[in-house]
Protein backbone atom coordinates (compact mmCIF):
# COMPACT_ATOMS: atom_id res chain seq x y z
CA MET A 1 176.79 37.59 -116.23
CA GLN A 2 176.07 34.48 -118.30
CA THR A 3 176.00 31.08 -116.67
CA SER A 4 176.11 27.67 -118.33
CA SER A 5 175.00 24.12 -117.68
CA LEU A 6 177.27 21.25 -118.63
CA ALA A 7 176.96 17.64 -119.81
CA ILE A 8 179.65 15.25 -120.98
CA LEU A 9 179.43 12.30 -123.39
CA HIS A 10 182.51 10.08 -123.08
CA ASP A 11 182.69 6.53 -124.45
CA ASN A 12 186.29 5.32 -124.85
CA ALA A 13 185.41 1.69 -125.55
CA ALA A 14 186.68 1.57 -129.15
CA HIS A 15 190.35 2.59 -128.73
CA GLY A 16 190.72 4.29 -125.35
CA GLU A 17 192.43 7.33 -126.88
CA ASP A 18 190.00 10.22 -126.34
CA SER A 19 190.50 12.58 -123.40
CA TYR A 20 188.66 15.66 -122.23
CA LEU A 21 188.96 18.43 -119.69
CA THR A 22 186.52 20.87 -118.13
CA ARG A 23 187.70 23.58 -115.74
CA ASP A 24 185.55 25.99 -113.77
CA LEU A 25 187.54 29.24 -113.77
CA GLY A 26 185.07 31.13 -111.54
CA ASP A 27 182.61 33.94 -112.23
CA GLY A 28 180.96 31.92 -115.02
CA ASN A 29 184.26 31.43 -116.87
CA PHE A 30 185.38 27.97 -117.99
CA LEU A 31 187.70 25.92 -120.17
CA ASP A 32 186.40 22.94 -122.16
CA VAL A 33 188.83 20.76 -124.14
CA VAL A 34 188.41 17.60 -126.21
CA LEU A 35 191.39 15.55 -127.38
CA ASP A 36 191.42 12.70 -129.91
CA GLY A 37 194.62 10.67 -129.73
CA VAL A 38 195.78 9.20 -133.04
CA THR A 39 195.19 5.43 -133.05
CA GLY A 40 198.37 3.36 -133.15
CA HIS A 41 200.57 6.39 -132.55
CA GLY A 42 200.61 6.72 -128.77
CA GLY A 43 197.35 8.62 -128.88
CA ASP A 44 196.18 7.64 -125.42
CA GLU A 45 199.37 8.91 -123.77
CA ALA A 46 199.40 12.06 -125.89
CA SER A 47 195.79 13.07 -125.29
CA GLY A 48 196.06 12.41 -121.56
CA SER A 49 199.31 14.36 -121.25
CA VAL A 50 197.89 17.43 -122.99
CA ALA A 51 194.76 17.31 -120.83
CA ASP A 52 196.91 17.11 -117.69
CA ALA A 53 199.07 20.02 -118.85
CA LEU A 54 196.06 22.23 -119.56
CA ASN A 55 194.62 21.33 -116.16
CA ARG A 56 197.77 22.53 -114.36
CA ILE A 57 198.42 25.90 -115.97
CA ASP A 58 197.25 29.30 -114.78
CA ILE A 59 194.90 30.79 -117.38
CA SER A 60 194.52 34.51 -117.96
CA GLY A 61 193.78 34.27 -121.69
CA PRO A 62 194.07 32.07 -124.80
CA ASP A 63 197.81 32.69 -125.11
CA ASP A 64 198.33 30.55 -122.01
CA ILE A 65 196.63 27.63 -123.78
CA VAL A 66 198.70 28.14 -126.94
CA ALA A 67 201.91 28.24 -124.89
CA ALA A 68 201.03 24.95 -123.15
CA LEU A 69 200.20 23.29 -126.48
CA ASN A 70 203.48 24.47 -127.98
CA GLU A 71 205.39 23.07 -125.02
CA GLN A 72 203.64 19.72 -125.33
CA ASN A 73 204.22 19.69 -129.09
CA ALA A 74 207.94 20.26 -128.65
CA ASP A 75 208.18 17.43 -126.12
CA PHE A 76 206.13 15.01 -128.25
CA HIS A 77 208.00 15.79 -131.45
CA GLN A 78 211.38 15.39 -129.79
CA VAL A 79 210.42 11.94 -128.49
CA GLY A 80 208.19 10.69 -131.28
CA GLY A 81 209.70 12.41 -134.32
CA GLY A 82 206.27 13.23 -135.72
CA ARG A 83 205.24 9.56 -135.87
CA PHE A 84 204.37 8.86 -132.24
CA LEU A 85 202.62 10.79 -129.45
CA LEU A 86 199.98 12.46 -131.63
CA THR A 87 196.65 14.00 -130.64
CA THR A 88 194.19 16.68 -131.62
CA ALA A 89 193.30 19.38 -129.09
CA SER A 90 190.29 21.69 -129.40
CA ALA A 91 189.69 24.14 -126.57
CA ALA A 92 186.84 26.54 -125.83
CA LEU A 93 187.82 29.18 -123.28
CA TYR A 94 185.01 31.42 -122.01
CA LEU A 95 186.51 34.41 -120.25
CA ASP A 96 184.97 37.75 -119.32
CA GLY A 97 182.11 37.48 -121.80
CA LYS A 98 184.19 36.27 -124.78
CA LEU A 99 184.53 32.78 -126.22
CA HIS A 100 188.09 32.01 -127.36
CA ILE A 101 188.61 28.96 -129.57
CA VAL A 102 192.04 27.35 -129.82
CA SER A 103 192.30 24.26 -132.00
CA VAL A 104 194.97 21.91 -133.31
CA GLY A 105 193.77 19.12 -135.58
CA ASP A 106 190.28 18.25 -136.71
CA SER A 107 188.16 17.87 -133.57
CA PRO A 108 185.27 20.28 -134.20
CA ILE A 109 183.74 22.98 -132.04
CA TYR A 110 180.21 24.20 -132.83
CA VAL A 111 178.30 27.26 -131.70
CA ILE A 112 174.58 26.66 -132.21
CA ARG A 113 172.45 29.77 -132.48
CA PRO A 114 168.67 30.08 -132.91
CA ASP A 115 169.06 30.94 -136.61
CA GLY A 116 172.01 28.76 -137.58
CA TYR A 117 175.30 27.32 -136.42
CA GLU A 118 179.02 27.92 -136.83
CA GLN A 119 181.68 25.22 -137.06
CA TYR A 120 185.26 25.84 -136.04
CA SER A 121 187.93 23.37 -137.08
CA GLY A 122 187.08 19.76 -137.79
CA ARG A 123 184.89 18.11 -140.33
CA MET A 124 181.38 16.72 -140.53
CA GLY A 125 180.72 13.28 -141.96
CA GLY A 126 184.29 13.03 -143.21
CA LEU A 127 183.49 15.40 -146.08
CA ILE A 128 184.35 18.91 -144.92
CA ARG A 129 187.68 20.00 -143.47
CA LEU A 130 188.10 23.40 -141.90
CA GLY A 131 191.03 24.98 -140.08
CA VAL A 132 194.25 23.03 -139.60
CA SER A 133 194.81 19.29 -139.91
CA LYS A 134 198.13 18.80 -138.07
CA ALA A 135 198.02 17.07 -134.72
CA VAL A 136 199.99 18.00 -131.63
CA GLY A 137 203.32 16.21 -132.03
CA ALA A 138 203.18 15.89 -135.83
CA GLU A 139 205.46 18.77 -136.79
CA ALA A 140 208.27 20.68 -135.10
CA THR A 141 206.25 23.88 -135.48
CA LEU A 142 202.65 23.68 -134.26
CA SER A 143 199.80 24.97 -136.45
CA VAL A 144 197.13 26.54 -134.25
CA PHE A 145 193.72 27.88 -135.28
CA GLN A 146 192.45 30.72 -133.08
CA THR A 147 189.38 32.94 -133.08
CA GLU A 148 187.12 34.73 -130.61
CA LEU A 149 183.43 35.56 -130.63
CA ASP A 150 180.54 36.82 -128.55
CA LEU A 151 177.86 34.53 -127.14
CA SER A 152 174.28 35.23 -126.15
CA SER A 153 172.12 33.45 -123.58
CA SER A 154 170.35 31.53 -126.36
CA ASP A 155 173.56 30.00 -127.74
CA ARG A 156 174.77 26.45 -127.20
CA LEU A 157 178.32 25.17 -127.44
CA ILE A 158 179.58 21.71 -128.42
CA CYS A 159 183.17 20.46 -128.45
CA CYS A 160 183.52 16.92 -129.80
CA THR A 161 185.81 14.34 -131.35
CA ASP A 162 185.19 12.72 -134.72
CA GLY A 163 183.66 9.63 -133.13
CA VAL A 164 180.65 11.91 -132.70
CA SER A 165 180.94 14.29 -135.66
CA ASP A 166 181.70 11.60 -138.27
CA ASN A 167 178.68 9.55 -137.23
CA LEU A 168 176.12 12.36 -137.51
CA LEU A 169 175.17 14.90 -140.13
CA GLY A 170 175.45 18.50 -139.08
CA ASP A 171 171.71 19.04 -139.36
CA GLU A 172 171.02 16.03 -137.14
CA LEU A 173 173.33 17.32 -134.42
CA MET A 174 171.95 20.84 -134.57
CA GLU A 175 168.34 19.68 -134.51
CA ILE A 176 168.93 17.58 -131.40
CA VAL A 177 170.72 20.40 -129.60
CA ARG A 178 168.11 23.00 -130.48
CA GLU A 179 165.22 20.75 -129.45
CA SER A 180 166.76 19.64 -126.13
CA SER A 181 165.67 21.40 -122.96
CA ASP A 182 169.08 21.06 -121.31
CA ALA A 183 172.61 19.82 -121.89
CA GLU A 184 171.97 16.40 -120.33
CA GLU A 185 169.07 15.73 -122.71
CA ALA A 186 171.19 16.76 -125.69
CA SER A 187 174.04 14.48 -124.62
CA GLY A 188 171.75 11.48 -124.18
CA ARG A 189 170.00 11.98 -127.51
CA VAL A 190 173.25 12.43 -129.42
CA LYS A 191 174.70 9.27 -127.88
CA ALA A 192 171.56 7.28 -128.76
CA LEU A 193 171.63 8.41 -132.40
CA VAL A 194 175.36 7.76 -132.80
CA ASP A 195 174.87 4.23 -131.43
CA GLN A 196 171.93 3.69 -133.77
CA HIS A 197 173.95 4.78 -136.79
CA ILE A 198 176.90 2.57 -135.86
CA GLU A 199 174.57 -0.41 -135.50
CA GLN A 200 173.22 0.29 -139.01
CA GLY A 201 176.76 0.33 -140.37
CA ARG A 202 176.48 1.70 -143.89
CA ASP A 203 175.72 5.38 -144.36
CA ILE A 204 173.48 5.36 -147.42
CA ARG A 205 173.55 9.14 -147.73
CA PHE A 206 177.16 9.12 -148.96
CA ARG A 207 178.44 6.84 -151.71
CA GLY A 208 180.68 4.27 -150.11
CA GLY A 209 180.31 5.90 -146.70
CA ARG A 210 180.08 3.97 -143.46
CA PHE A 211 179.38 4.83 -139.87
CA ARG A 212 182.28 3.54 -137.81
CA HIS A 213 183.18 2.51 -134.30
CA ASP A 214 185.39 5.09 -132.63
CA ASP A 215 185.84 6.71 -129.25
CA GLU A 216 183.06 9.23 -128.66
CA THR A 217 183.56 12.41 -126.65
CA ALA A 218 181.49 15.58 -126.56
CA ILE A 219 181.07 18.46 -124.11
CA PHE A 220 177.72 20.28 -124.24
CA ARG A 221 177.20 23.80 -122.80
CA PHE A 222 173.83 25.54 -122.62
CA PHE A 223 173.97 29.22 -121.72
CA ALA A 224 171.58 31.38 -119.71
CA ASP A 225 171.59 34.82 -118.13
CA GLY A 226 172.85 34.60 -114.57
């Protein structure tokens, strides 16, 4: 059985609209979720409500997460009409040796392997968009990205909001995670580099690009054989 160590980066000072959830489901299984509420559109209420809903449900598989997201989407869209109560939701469910990814919106999930990395949903540096771009609450019918994959004991998992991913290049993030001895070290080093970039302001690697103040949330998982 694989086990994992956990670290959380959460700085909500910019807007107060990020939320996250981690659940220990027993026997090495877990649920990690990051949520990025849309600024000026009830994002703090939306992200918190989805996190609370996912914390309450019984989970036997990814379909339970999708059902909860659909229920929240229906409620949000009825109240907000697609203009209010909006949030992303990216979930990593590890269950019985499989990683299930369920994502709505552009908050990325990364699986870092010794010879490369995979990105699911989201974007890096504001340049690349993968998966779906509709937030929970934006449309009457929810667009959900789903996939599943195997993990090995050398793999590392990151779920984050764009306050982290937009302020780092992919190679910077992957280098930090690969070089770190544990999840806590990775979290601290990522936070330090994001803060450094924001202090610099302009991102000279992209024409007209800028690092920007935003809420920063990331969940780091390092795996090992139990």
